Amino acid sequence: MLVSTLWRVKPQISAAVVRVSMALGIALILSLGQAQLHAQTTGTAPPLPASAKAGMPELNVLGGGLLRVLGFQVYNAYLWTPAGSAFDRTKPHVLDLQYLRNFSAKKLAERSIDEMRGQGIGDEAVYVKWLAEMERVFADVKEGDRLTGVVTPTRTSKFFHNGAYRGEVTDPMFTDAFFGIWLNEKSSQPRMRNKLLGKPE
């Protein structure tokens, strides 16, 4: 994502302001409620872990950027697609998140569900299953850690923490819902989405 993108906010940031998503981030995917997000491209993406590239076509970076929340750096995210081609959710791709803050796996999973719910994807029954799956394949992250989410040619989702394999979720609906936290048109982070897709801000 991985993920939605999701963090345990330090005391300086009011919990009432923050709604975490991505990636991924995610999510994994971090998000804010009504707070303004600022995404900007930062430098060159580091090479993907060899473990994350196994069984995948040749991948190149399509886009990426730094997510800032109220001036605080949260993570760098990069989207890798076959030969750097335009994003197609039906084709293999990789979302690589490099965290700049600390978050627990449990919080990442819970906030990923919040993001999916916000997009109207899935239902409460399937969220219970997906929450358990994410808690299984995610890891606690600290500043400098990487979570890498891989959409395989068979539409499953594999997750890696600092290059170490964490597990796989085989439900294609989950794959769409999770990576959609960042890449769906309904993403709560449109600026970051545009950066990942290589679009001008």
N, C-alpha and C. Protein backbone atom coordinates (compact mmCIF):
# COMPACT_ATOMS: atom_id res chain seq x y z
N MET A 1 0.72 -0.36 0.00
CA MET A 1 0.00 0.00 0.00
C MET A 1 1.05 0.53 0.00
N LEU A 2 2.33 -3.74 3.58
CA LEU A 2 2.30 -2.69 3.00
C LEU A 2 1.60 -2.07 3.67
N VAL A 3 0.03 -0.71 3.27
CA VAL A 3 -0.44 0.11 3.25
C VAL A 3 -0.15 0.95 3.30
N SER A 4 -3.26 2.87 3.37
CA SER A 4 -3.87 3.13 3.56
C SER A 4 -3.07 3.90 4.08
N THR A 5 -1.05 3.60 5.25
CA THR A 5 -1.14 5.00 5.07
C THR A 5 -1.74 5.51 6.31
N LEU A 6 -0.79 5.34 7.24
CA LEU A 6 -1.52 5.22 8.48
C LEU A 6 -0.51 5.35 9.59
N TRP A 7 -0.78 6.18 10.49
CA TRP A 7 0.26 6.38 11.48
C TRP A 7 -0.29 6.72 12.84
N ARG A 8 0.55 6.46 13.77
CA ARG A 8 0.24 6.81 15.13
C ARG A 8 0.82 8.19 15.38
N VAL A 9 -0.06 9.17 15.46
CA VAL A 9 0.37 10.56 15.42
C VAL A 9 1.04 10.95 16.72
N LYS A 10 2.11 11.72 16.61
CA LYS A 10 2.82 12.22 17.78
C LYS A 10 1.95 13.28 18.46
N PRO A 11 2.27 13.56 19.71
CA PRO A 11 1.42 14.47 20.48
C PRO A 11 1.19 15.81 19.82
N GLN A 12 2.13 16.27 18.95
CA GLN A 12 1.96 17.59 18.36
C GLN A 12 0.76 17.64 17.43
N ILE A 13 0.32 16.50 16.92
CA ILE A 13 -0.78 16.49 15.96
C ILE A 13 -2.01 15.95 16.66
N SER A 14 -3.07 16.70 16.66
CA SER A 14 -4.30 16.27 17.33
C SER A 14 -4.88 15.04 16.67
N ALA A 15 -5.28 14.07 17.47
CA ALA A 15 -5.88 12.85 16.93
C ALA A 15 -7.17 13.15 16.21
N ALA A 16 -7.81 14.26 16.60
CA ALA A 16 -9.07 14.63 15.95
C ALA A 16 -8.85 15.07 14.52
N VAL A 17 -7.61 15.51 14.19
CA VAL A 17 -7.33 16.01 12.86
C VAL A 17 -6.99 14.88 11.90
N VAL A 18 -6.46 13.78 12.46
CA VAL A 18 -5.83 12.79 11.61
C VAL A 18 -6.73 11.60 11.29
N ARG A 19 -6.78 11.24 10.04
CA ARG A 19 -7.45 10.03 9.62
C ARG A 19 -6.49 9.32 8.69
N VAL A 20 -6.06 8.16 9.16
CA VAL A 20 -4.93 7.55 8.49
C VAL A 20 -5.37 6.54 7.45
N SER A 21 -4.61 6.51 6.36
CA SER A 21 -4.90 5.45 5.42
C SER A 21 -3.67 4.65 5.07
N MET A 22 -3.04 4.19 3.72
CA MET A 22 -2.05 3.96 3.13
C MET A 22 -1.29 3.83 3.63
N ALA A 23 -0.97 2.41 2.50
CA ALA A 23 -0.49 1.98 2.09
C ALA A 23 0.32 1.04 3.19
N LEU A 24 0.99 -0.50 1.41
CA LEU A 24 0.84 -0.07 1.35
C LEU A 24 0.98 -0.25 1.86
N GLY A 25 1.09 1.10 2.96
CA GLY A 25 0.75 2.17 2.87
C GLY A 25 1.38 1.74 2.62
N ILE A 26 0.61 0.71 2.00
CA ILE A 26 -0.36 1.05 2.06
C ILE A 26 0.29 1.26 1.93
N ALA A 27 -0.72 1.65 2.54
CA ALA A 27 -1.01 1.83 2.50
C ALA A 27 -0.82 2.07 2.44
N LEU A 28 1.36 0.67 4.03
CA LEU A 28 0.89 0.71 3.94
C LEU A 28 0.72 2.03 4.02
N ILE A 29 -1.43 3.37 3.39
CA ILE A 29 -2.02 4.10 3.00
C ILE A 29 -2.14 4.93 4.06
N LEU A 30 -1.75 6.35 4.36
CA LEU A 30 -2.06 7.24 5.46
C LEU A 30 -3.04 8.26 4.92
N SER A 31 -3.88 8.71 5.77
CA SER A 31 -4.82 9.73 5.35
C SER A 31 -5.14 10.67 6.49
N LEU A 32 -5.74 11.80 6.13
CA LEU A 32 -6.23 12.76 7.10
C LEU A 32 -7.70 12.93 6.88
N GLY A 33 -8.41 13.32 7.94
CA GLY A 33 -9.81 13.62 7.79
C GLY A 33 -9.98 14.82 6.88
N GLN A 34 -10.04 16.02 7.44
CA GLN A 34 -10.18 17.22 6.63
C GLN A 34 -8.86 17.96 6.50
N ALA A 35 -7.80 17.41 7.06
CA ALA A 35 -6.52 18.10 6.99
C ALA A 35 -5.99 18.10 5.57
N GLN A 36 -5.20 19.10 5.24
CA GLN A 36 -4.65 19.21 3.90
C GLN A 36 -3.42 18.34 3.79
N LEU A 37 -3.31 17.61 2.68
CA LEU A 37 -2.17 16.77 2.42
C LEU A 37 -1.28 17.45 1.39
N HIS A 38 0.01 17.32 1.56
CA HIS A 38 0.95 17.89 0.61
C HIS A 38 1.87 16.78 0.15
N ALA A 39 1.81 16.45 -1.13
CA ALA A 39 2.67 15.41 -1.69
C ALA A 39 3.60 16.04 -2.72
N GLN A 40 4.85 15.67 -2.67
CA GLN A 40 5.78 16.18 -3.65
C GLN A 40 6.79 15.09 -3.96
N THR A 41 7.23 15.05 -5.21
CA THR A 41 8.18 14.04 -5.62
C THR A 41 9.53 14.32 -4.96
N THR A 42 10.15 13.27 -4.47
CA THR A 42 11.42 13.44 -3.79
C THR A 42 12.45 12.46 -4.32
N GLY A 43 13.44 12.97 -5.03
CA GLY A 43 14.57 12.17 -5.42
C GLY A 43 14.22 10.97 -6.28
N THR A 44 15.11 10.00 -6.25
CA THR A 44 14.96 8.79 -7.04
C THR A 44 14.58 7.63 -6.14
N ALA A 45 13.65 6.81 -6.61
CA ALA A 45 13.22 5.66 -5.83
C ALA A 45 14.37 4.68 -5.67
N PRO A 46 14.58 4.16 -4.47
CA PRO A 46 15.62 3.13 -4.28
C PRO A 46 15.19 1.85 -4.99
N PRO A 47 16.14 0.99 -5.34
CA PRO A 47 15.79 -0.26 -6.01
C PRO A 47 14.84 -1.10 -5.17
N LEU A 48 13.96 -1.81 -5.85
CA LEU A 48 13.07 -2.72 -5.13
C LEU A 48 13.86 -3.89 -4.58
N PRO A 49 13.43 -4.44 -3.44
CA PRO A 49 14.08 -5.66 -2.94
C PRO A 49 13.96 -6.78 -3.97
N ALA A 50 15.00 -7.56 -4.12
CA ALA A 50 14.98 -8.66 -5.09
C ALA A 50 13.82 -9.61 -4.82
N SER A 51 13.51 -9.81 -3.54
CA SER A 51 12.43 -10.72 -3.18
C SER A 51 11.08 -10.25 -3.72
N ALA A 52 10.89 -8.94 -3.80
CA ALA A 52 9.62 -8.39 -4.27
C ALA A 52 9.49 -8.46 -5.79
N LYS A 53 10.61 -8.62 -6.49
CA LYS A 53 10.59 -8.66 -7.95
C LYS A 53 10.48 -10.07 -8.50
N ALA A 54 10.63 -11.07 -7.65
CA ALA A 54 10.62 -12.46 -8.12
C ALA A 54 9.27 -12.79 -8.77
N GLY A 55 9.33 -13.35 -9.97
CA GLY A 55 8.12 -13.75 -10.68
C GLY A 55 7.37 -12.61 -11.33
N MET A 56 7.95 -11.42 -11.32
CA MET A 56 7.31 -10.24 -11.89
C MET A 56 7.97 -9.86 -13.22
N PRO A 57 7.24 -9.14 -14.09
CA PRO A 57 7.87 -8.62 -15.29
C PRO A 57 8.86 -7.52 -14.92
N GLU A 58 9.62 -7.04 -15.89
CA GLU A 58 10.53 -5.94 -15.62
C GLU A 58 9.73 -4.71 -15.21
N LEU A 59 10.10 -4.13 -14.07
CA LEU A 59 9.35 -3.00 -13.52
C LEU A 59 10.20 -1.74 -13.48
N ASN A 60 9.55 -0.61 -13.73
CA ASN A 60 10.19 0.69 -13.58
C ASN A 60 9.26 1.61 -12.82
N VAL A 61 9.82 2.66 -12.24
CA VAL A 61 9.02 3.60 -11.46
C VAL A 61 8.14 4.43 -12.39
N LEU A 62 6.85 4.48 -12.08
CA LEU A 62 5.93 5.36 -12.80
C LEU A 62 5.89 6.74 -12.13
N GLY A 63 5.85 6.75 -10.81
CA GLY A 63 5.80 8.01 -10.09
C GLY A 63 5.94 7.80 -8.61
N GLY A 64 5.98 8.88 -7.87
CA GLY A 64 6.11 8.77 -6.42
C GLY A 64 6.27 10.12 -5.78
N GLY A 65 6.31 10.13 -4.47
CA GLY A 65 6.45 11.40 -3.78
C GLY A 65 6.52 11.25 -2.28
N LEU A 66 6.73 12.37 -1.65
CA LEU A 66 6.79 12.48 -0.20
C LEU A 66 5.44 12.96 0.31
N LEU A 67 4.88 12.26 1.27
CA LEU A 67 3.65 12.72 1.91
C LEU A 67 4.00 13.51 3.16
N ARG A 68 3.51 14.74 3.21
CA ARG A 68 3.66 15.58 4.39
C ARG A 68 2.29 15.83 4.99
N VAL A 69 2.22 15.84 6.30
CA VAL A 69 0.98 16.13 7.01
C VAL A 69 1.26 17.28 7.98
N LEU A 70 0.67 18.44 7.69
CA LEU A 70 0.88 19.61 8.54
C LEU A 70 2.37 19.88 8.77
N GLY A 71 3.16 19.66 7.72
CA GLY A 71 4.59 19.91 7.80
C GLY A 71 5.40 18.72 8.25
N PHE A 72 4.75 17.66 8.74
CA PHE A 72 5.46 16.47 9.21
C PHE A 72 5.62 15.48 8.07
N GLN A 73 6.82 14.97 7.87
CA GLN A 73 7.06 13.96 6.85
C GLN A 73 6.53 12.62 7.35
N VAL A 74 5.75 11.94 6.51
CA VAL A 74 5.13 10.67 6.91
C VAL A 74 5.77 9.48 6.20
N TYR A 75 5.84 9.51 4.89
CA TYR A 75 6.49 8.44 4.14
C TYR A 75 6.76 8.89 2.72
N ASN A 76 7.68 8.20 2.07
CA ASN A 76 7.86 8.29 0.62
C ASN A 76 7.18 7.08 0.01
N ALA A 77 6.49 7.27 -1.10
CA ALA A 77 5.80 6.17 -1.77
C ALA A 77 6.15 6.19 -3.25
N TYR A 78 6.33 5.00 -3.82
CA TYR A 78 6.66 4.88 -5.24
C TYR A 78 5.85 3.75 -5.85
N LEU A 79 5.34 4.00 -7.04
CA LEU A 79 4.58 2.99 -7.78
C LEU A 79 5.43 2.48 -8.94
N TRP A 80 5.58 1.16 -8.99
CA TRP A 80 6.34 0.50 -10.04
C TRP A 80 5.37 -0.26 -10.94
N THR A 81 5.51 -0.08 -12.26
CA THR A 81 4.65 -0.75 -13.23
C THR A 81 5.53 -1.41 -14.30
N PRO A 82 4.96 -2.32 -15.11
CA PRO A 82 5.76 -2.96 -16.17
C PRO A 82 6.35 -1.91 -17.12
N ALA A 83 7.68 -1.85 -17.14
CA ALA A 83 8.42 -0.92 -17.99
C ALA A 83 8.02 0.53 -17.74
N GLY A 84 7.45 0.83 -16.57
CA GLY A 84 7.05 2.19 -16.25
C GLY A 84 5.84 2.66 -17.04
N SER A 85 5.05 1.72 -17.54
CA SER A 85 3.88 2.05 -18.34
C SER A 85 2.77 2.63 -17.48
N ALA A 86 1.76 3.22 -18.15
CA ALA A 86 0.62 3.79 -17.44
C ALA A 86 -0.03 2.75 -16.54
N PHE A 87 -0.51 3.18 -15.39
CA PHE A 87 -1.08 2.27 -14.42
C PHE A 87 -2.31 1.56 -14.96
N ASP A 88 -2.35 0.25 -14.77
CA ASP A 88 -3.48 -0.60 -15.12
C ASP A 88 -3.65 -1.57 -13.96
N ARG A 89 -4.75 -1.45 -13.25
CA ARG A 89 -4.91 -2.26 -12.04
C ARG A 89 -4.95 -3.75 -12.33
N THR A 90 -5.22 -4.15 -13.58
CA THR A 90 -5.29 -5.57 -13.93
C THR A 90 -3.91 -6.15 -14.21
N LYS A 91 -2.89 -5.30 -14.27
CA LYS A 91 -1.54 -5.78 -14.55
C LYS A 91 -0.68 -5.73 -13.28
N PRO A 92 0.38 -6.52 -13.24
CA PRO A 92 1.24 -6.53 -12.05
C PRO A 92 1.80 -5.13 -11.76
N HIS A 93 1.90 -4.80 -10.48
CA HIS A 93 2.51 -3.55 -10.08
C HIS A 93 2.94 -3.66 -8.62
N VAL A 94 3.74 -2.70 -8.19
CA VAL A 94 4.31 -2.72 -6.84
C VAL A 94 4.17 -1.33 -6.24
N LEU A 95 3.75 -1.28 -4.99
CA LEU A 95 3.71 -0.03 -4.23
C LEU A 95 4.70 -0.16 -3.09
N ASP A 96 5.68 0.71 -3.09
CA ASP A 96 6.77 0.65 -2.11
C ASP A 96 6.69 1.88 -1.20
N LEU A 97 6.50 1.64 0.10
CA LEU A 97 6.39 2.71 1.08
C LEU A 97 7.61 2.72 1.99
N GLN A 98 8.20 3.90 2.16
CA GLN A 98 9.36 4.07 3.02
C GLN A 98 8.96 5.02 4.13
N TYR A 99 8.76 4.47 5.32
CA TYR A 99 8.17 5.21 6.42
C TYR A 99 9.17 6.14 7.10
N LEU A 100 8.66 7.29 7.49
CA LEU A 100 9.46 8.30 8.19
C LEU A 100 8.95 8.52 9.62
N ARG A 101 7.99 7.67 10.03
CA ARG A 101 7.45 7.70 11.38
C ARG A 101 7.14 6.26 11.81
N ASN A 102 6.82 6.08 13.08
CA ASN A 102 6.56 4.74 13.62
C ASN A 102 5.06 4.44 13.65
N PHE A 103 4.68 3.23 13.22
CA PHE A 103 3.29 2.79 13.26
C PHE A 103 3.23 1.30 13.55
N SER A 104 2.19 0.90 14.27
CA SER A 104 2.01 -0.52 14.56
C SER A 104 1.26 -1.20 13.42
N ALA A 105 1.49 -2.49 13.27
CA ALA A 105 0.79 -3.26 12.24
C ALA A 105 -0.72 -3.22 12.47
N LYS A 106 -1.12 -3.27 13.71
CA LYS A 106 -2.55 -3.24 14.04
C LYS A 106 -3.18 -1.93 13.58
N LYS A 107 -2.49 -0.82 13.82
CA LYS A 107 -3.03 0.48 13.42
C LYS A 107 -3.08 0.59 11.90
N LEU A 108 -2.06 0.10 11.23
CA LEU A 108 -2.07 0.12 9.77
C LEU A 108 -3.27 -0.64 9.22
N ALA A 109 -3.52 -1.81 9.79
CA ALA A 109 -4.63 -2.63 9.32
C ALA A 109 -5.97 -1.97 9.59
N GLU A 110 -6.14 -1.44 10.78
CA GLU A 110 -7.41 -0.81 11.14
C GLU A 110 -7.71 0.40 10.27
N ARG A 111 -6.69 1.21 10.02
CA ARG A 111 -6.90 2.40 9.21
C ARG A 111 -7.09 2.05 7.74
N SER A 112 -6.49 0.95 7.30
CA SER A 112 -6.74 0.49 5.93
C SER A 112 -8.22 0.16 5.75
N ILE A 113 -8.79 -0.49 6.74
CA ILE A 113 -10.22 -0.80 6.68
C ILE A 113 -11.04 0.48 6.65
N ASP A 114 -10.66 1.47 7.43
CA ASP A 114 -11.37 2.75 7.41
C ASP A 114 -11.36 3.36 6.01
N GLU A 115 -10.22 3.27 5.34
CA GLU A 115 -10.12 3.83 3.99
C GLU A 115 -10.99 3.05 3.00
N MET A 116 -10.97 1.74 3.11
CA MET A 116 -11.81 0.91 2.23
C MET A 116 -13.28 1.23 2.45
N ARG A 117 -13.64 1.35 3.70
CA ARG A 117 -15.03 1.69 4.04
C ARG A 117 -15.40 3.05 3.48
N GLY A 118 -14.48 3.99 3.56
CA GLY A 118 -14.73 5.33 3.05
C GLY A 118 -14.94 5.35 1.54
N GLN A 119 -14.32 4.40 0.84
CA GLN A 119 -14.50 4.31 -0.61
C GLN A 119 -15.71 3.46 -0.99
N GLY A 120 -16.36 2.86 0.00
CA GLY A 120 -17.53 2.04 -0.28
C GLY A 120 -17.20 0.70 -0.89
N ILE A 121 -15.99 0.21 -0.62
CA ILE A 121 -15.56 -1.08 -1.16
C ILE A 121 -15.68 -2.15 -0.08
N GLY A 122 -16.36 -3.25 -0.38
CA GLY A 122 -16.54 -4.33 0.58
C GLY A 122 -17.69 -4.06 1.53
N ASP A 123 -17.82 -4.94 2.52
CA ASP A 123 -18.87 -4.80 3.52
C ASP A 123 -18.32 -5.22 4.87
N GLU A 124 -19.12 -5.05 5.90
CA GLU A 124 -18.62 -5.30 7.25
C GLU A 124 -18.19 -6.75 7.46
N ALA A 125 -18.87 -7.68 6.79
CA ALA A 125 -18.51 -9.08 6.95
C ALA A 125 -17.12 -9.36 6.38
N VAL A 126 -16.84 -8.81 5.19
CA VAL A 126 -15.54 -9.07 4.58
C VAL A 126 -14.44 -8.28 5.27
N TYR A 127 -14.79 -7.14 5.89
CA TYR A 127 -13.77 -6.36 6.60
C TYR A 127 -13.17 -7.16 7.75
N VAL A 128 -13.98 -7.97 8.40
CA VAL A 128 -13.47 -8.79 9.50
C VAL A 128 -12.38 -9.73 8.98
N LYS A 129 -12.65 -10.35 7.84
CA LYS A 129 -11.67 -11.26 7.23
C LYS A 129 -10.43 -10.51 6.79
N TRP A 130 -10.61 -9.38 6.12
CA TRP A 130 -9.47 -8.62 5.61
C TRP A 130 -8.63 -8.05 6.73
N LEU A 131 -9.26 -7.64 7.82
CA LEU A 131 -8.51 -7.12 8.96
C LEU A 131 -7.56 -8.19 9.50
N ALA A 132 -8.06 -9.40 9.64
CA ALA A 132 -7.23 -10.50 10.13
C ALA A 132 -6.08 -10.79 9.17
N GLU A 133 -6.36 -10.74 7.87
CA GLU A 133 -5.33 -10.99 6.88
C GLU A 133 -4.23 -9.93 6.94
N MET A 134 -4.63 -8.68 7.07
CA MET A 134 -3.63 -7.61 7.13
C MET A 134 -2.80 -7.68 8.40
N GLU A 135 -3.41 -7.99 9.51
CA GLU A 135 -2.65 -8.12 10.75
C GLU A 135 -1.64 -9.26 10.64
N ARG A 136 -1.96 -10.25 9.81
CA ARG A 136 -1.05 -11.38 9.59
C ARG A 136 0.14 -10.99 8.73
N VAL A 137 -0.08 -10.20 7.67
CA VAL A 137 0.99 -9.93 6.70
C VAL A 137 1.70 -8.60 6.92
N PHE A 138 1.12 -7.72 7.72
CA PHE A 138 1.79 -6.45 8.00
C PHE A 138 2.82 -6.64 9.12
N ALA A 139 3.65 -5.62 9.32
CA ALA A 139 4.63 -5.61 10.41
C ALA A 139 4.63 -4.22 11.04
N ASP A 140 5.00 -4.15 12.32
CA ASP A 140 5.23 -2.84 12.93
C ASP A 140 6.35 -2.16 12.15
N VAL A 141 6.22 -0.85 11.93
CA VAL A 141 7.27 -0.14 11.20
C VAL A 141 7.81 1.00 12.06
N LYS A 142 9.06 1.29 11.86
CA LYS A 142 9.71 2.43 12.50
C LYS A 142 10.34 3.28 11.42
N GLU A 143 10.79 4.45 11.80
CA GLU A 143 11.39 5.35 10.83
C GLU A 143 12.51 4.66 10.05
N GLY A 144 12.42 4.72 8.72
CA GLY A 144 13.42 4.09 7.87
C GLY A 144 13.01 2.74 7.32
N ASP A 145 11.95 2.14 7.87
CA ASP A 145 11.48 0.85 7.39
C ASP A 145 10.74 0.97 6.07
N ARG A 146 10.71 -0.14 5.33
CA ARG A 146 9.98 -0.20 4.07
C ARG A 146 8.92 -1.30 4.14
N LEU A 147 7.73 -0.99 3.65
CA LEU A 147 6.70 -1.98 3.42
C LEU A 147 6.43 -1.98 1.92
N THR A 148 6.51 -3.14 1.33
CA THR A 148 6.37 -3.26 -0.11
C THR A 148 5.19 -4.18 -0.41
N GLY A 149 4.23 -3.66 -1.17
CA GLY A 149 3.07 -4.43 -1.57
C GLY A 149 3.15 -4.77 -3.05
N VAL A 150 2.97 -6.04 -3.38
CA VAL A 150 3.13 -6.53 -4.75
C VAL A 150 1.81 -7.11 -5.24
N VAL A 151 1.33 -6.60 -6.37
CA VAL A 151 0.18 -7.21 -7.05
C VAL A 151 0.75 -8.16 -8.09
N THR A 152 0.53 -9.44 -7.91
CA THR A 152 1.13 -10.46 -8.77
C THR A 152 0.35 -10.62 -10.07
N PRO A 153 0.90 -11.34 -11.05
CA PRO A 153 0.18 -11.58 -12.31
C PRO A 153 -1.15 -12.30 -12.12
N THR A 154 -1.32 -12.99 -11.00
CA THR A 154 -2.58 -13.69 -10.74
C THR A 154 -3.51 -12.91 -9.82
N ARG A 155 -3.17 -11.61 -9.60
CA ARG A 155 -4.03 -10.69 -8.85
C ARG A 155 -4.06 -10.97 -7.35
N THR A 156 -3.07 -11.68 -6.85
CA THR A 156 -2.92 -11.82 -5.40
C THR A 156 -2.06 -10.67 -4.89
N SER A 157 -1.98 -10.53 -3.57
CA SER A 157 -1.18 -9.46 -2.96
C SER A 157 -0.12 -10.08 -2.05
N LYS A 158 1.13 -9.76 -2.32
CA LYS A 158 2.23 -10.20 -1.46
C LYS A 158 2.81 -8.99 -0.74
N PHE A 159 3.26 -9.22 0.49
CA PHE A 159 3.78 -8.12 1.30
C PHE A 159 5.17 -8.45 1.85
N PHE A 160 6.02 -7.42 1.86
CA PHE A 160 7.40 -7.57 2.31
C PHE A 160 7.73 -6.43 3.27
N HIS A 161 8.47 -6.76 4.32
CA HIS A 161 8.93 -5.77 5.29
C HIS A 161 10.45 -5.74 5.23
N ASN A 162 10.99 -4.61 4.76
CA ASN A 162 12.44 -4.48 4.57
C ASN A 162 13.00 -5.63 3.74
N GLY A 163 12.22 -6.04 2.75
CA GLY A 163 12.64 -7.10 1.84
C GLY A 163 12.30 -8.51 2.29
N ALA A 164 11.90 -8.68 3.53
CA ALA A 164 11.57 -10.01 4.05
C ALA A 164 10.09 -10.32 3.78
N TYR A 165 9.84 -11.48 3.22
CA TYR A 165 8.47 -11.87 2.87
C TYR A 165 7.63 -12.04 4.12
N ARG A 166 6.42 -11.42 4.11
CA ARG A 166 5.52 -11.50 5.25
C ARG A 166 4.32 -12.39 5.00
N GLY A 167 3.86 -12.47 3.76
CA GLY A 167 2.70 -13.30 3.48
C GLY A 167 1.96 -12.83 2.25
N GLU A 168 0.91 -13.58 1.93
CA GLU A 168 0.15 -13.33 0.71
C GLU A 168 -1.34 -13.38 1.01
N VAL A 169 -2.10 -12.49 0.38
CA VAL A 169 -3.56 -12.50 0.45
C VAL A 169 -4.04 -12.84 -0.96
N THR A 170 -4.82 -13.89 -1.09
CA THR A 170 -5.16 -14.41 -2.41
C THR A 170 -6.48 -13.88 -2.98
N ASP A 171 -7.21 -13.08 -2.22
CA ASP A 171 -8.50 -12.56 -2.65
C ASP A 171 -8.30 -11.36 -3.59
N PRO A 172 -8.67 -11.49 -4.89
CA PRO A 172 -8.50 -10.35 -5.82
C PRO A 172 -9.30 -9.12 -5.40
N MET A 173 -10.42 -9.32 -4.74
CA MET A 173 -11.21 -8.18 -4.28
C MET A 173 -10.43 -7.39 -3.23
N PHE A 174 -9.72 -8.10 -2.37
CA PHE A 174 -8.86 -7.42 -1.40
C PHE A 174 -7.78 -6.63 -2.12
N THR A 175 -7.18 -7.24 -3.15
CA THR A 175 -6.13 -6.55 -3.90
C THR A 175 -6.63 -5.21 -4.42
N ASP A 176 -7.80 -5.20 -5.03
CA ASP A 176 -8.35 -3.95 -5.56
C ASP A 176 -8.63 -2.95 -4.44
N ALA A 177 -9.18 -3.45 -3.35
CA ALA A 177 -9.55 -2.57 -2.25
C ALA A 177 -8.31 -1.97 -1.58
N PHE A 178 -7.32 -2.79 -1.32
CA PHE A 178 -6.14 -2.31 -0.60
C PHE A 178 -5.34 -1.31 -1.44
N PHE A 179 -4.96 -1.70 -2.64
CA PHE A 179 -4.15 -0.79 -3.45
C PHE A 179 -4.97 0.41 -3.92
N GLY A 180 -6.29 0.25 -3.93
CA GLY A 180 -7.15 1.37 -4.26
C GLY A 180 -7.11 2.48 -3.23
N ILE A 181 -6.64 2.19 -2.02
CA ILE A 181 -6.49 3.23 -1.01
C ILE A 181 -5.66 4.38 -1.58
N TRP A 182 -4.65 4.04 -2.36
CA TRP A 182 -3.78 5.04 -2.98
C TRP A 182 -4.18 5.35 -4.42
N LEU A 183 -4.69 4.34 -5.15
CA LEU A 183 -4.77 4.45 -6.60
C LEU A 183 -6.18 4.59 -7.15
N ASN A 184 -7.18 4.33 -6.34
CA ASN A 184 -8.56 4.49 -6.78
C ASN A 184 -8.88 5.97 -6.96
N GLU A 185 -9.78 6.27 -7.90
CA GLU A 185 -10.19 7.66 -8.12
C GLU A 185 -10.83 8.27 -6.87
N LYS A 186 -11.33 7.42 -5.97
CA LYS A 186 -11.95 7.89 -4.74
C LYS A 186 -10.95 8.02 -3.60
N SER A 187 -9.68 7.88 -3.90
CA SER A 187 -8.66 7.98 -2.86
C SER A 187 -8.81 9.26 -2.06
N SER A 188 -8.62 9.17 -0.75
CA SER A 188 -8.67 10.35 0.11
C SER A 188 -7.41 11.21 -0.03
N GLN A 189 -6.45 10.71 -0.82
CA GLN A 189 -5.19 11.42 -1.03
C GLN A 189 -4.98 11.70 -2.52
N PRO A 190 -5.76 12.57 -3.11
CA PRO A 190 -5.67 12.79 -4.56
C PRO A 190 -4.32 13.32 -5.02
N ARG A 191 -3.68 14.14 -4.20
CA ARG A 191 -2.38 14.67 -4.61
C ARG A 191 -1.34 13.56 -4.66
N MET A 192 -1.34 12.72 -3.65
CA MET A 192 -0.40 11.60 -3.66
C MET A 192 -0.72 10.65 -4.81
N ARG A 193 -2.00 10.43 -5.06
CA ARG A 193 -2.40 9.57 -6.18
C ARG A 193 -1.83 10.09 -7.49
N ASN A 194 -1.96 11.38 -7.73
CA ASN A 194 -1.44 11.96 -8.96
C ASN A 194 0.08 11.79 -9.07
N LYS A 195 0.76 11.95 -7.95
CA LYS A 195 2.21 11.76 -7.96
C LYS A 195 2.56 10.32 -8.31
N LEU A 196 1.88 9.37 -7.70
CA LEU A 196 2.14 7.96 -7.97
C LEU A 196 1.88 7.61 -9.43
N LEU A 197 0.86 8.23 -10.01
CA LEU A 197 0.49 7.95 -11.40
C LEU A 197 1.31 8.75 -12.39
N GLY A 198 2.23 9.56 -11.88
CA GLY A 198 3.09 10.35 -12.75
C GLY A 198 2.40 11.53 -13.39
N LYS A 199 1.32 12.00 -12.76
CA LYS A 199 0.58 13.14 -13.28
C LYS A 199 1.05 14.42 -12.62
N PRO A 200 0.99 15.55 -13.34
CA PRO A 200 1.38 16.82 -12.72
C PRO A 200 0.41 17.20 -11.62
N GLU A 201 0.91 17.82 -10.59
CA GLU A 201 0.07 18.20 -9.45
C GLU A 201 -0.88 19.33 -9.81
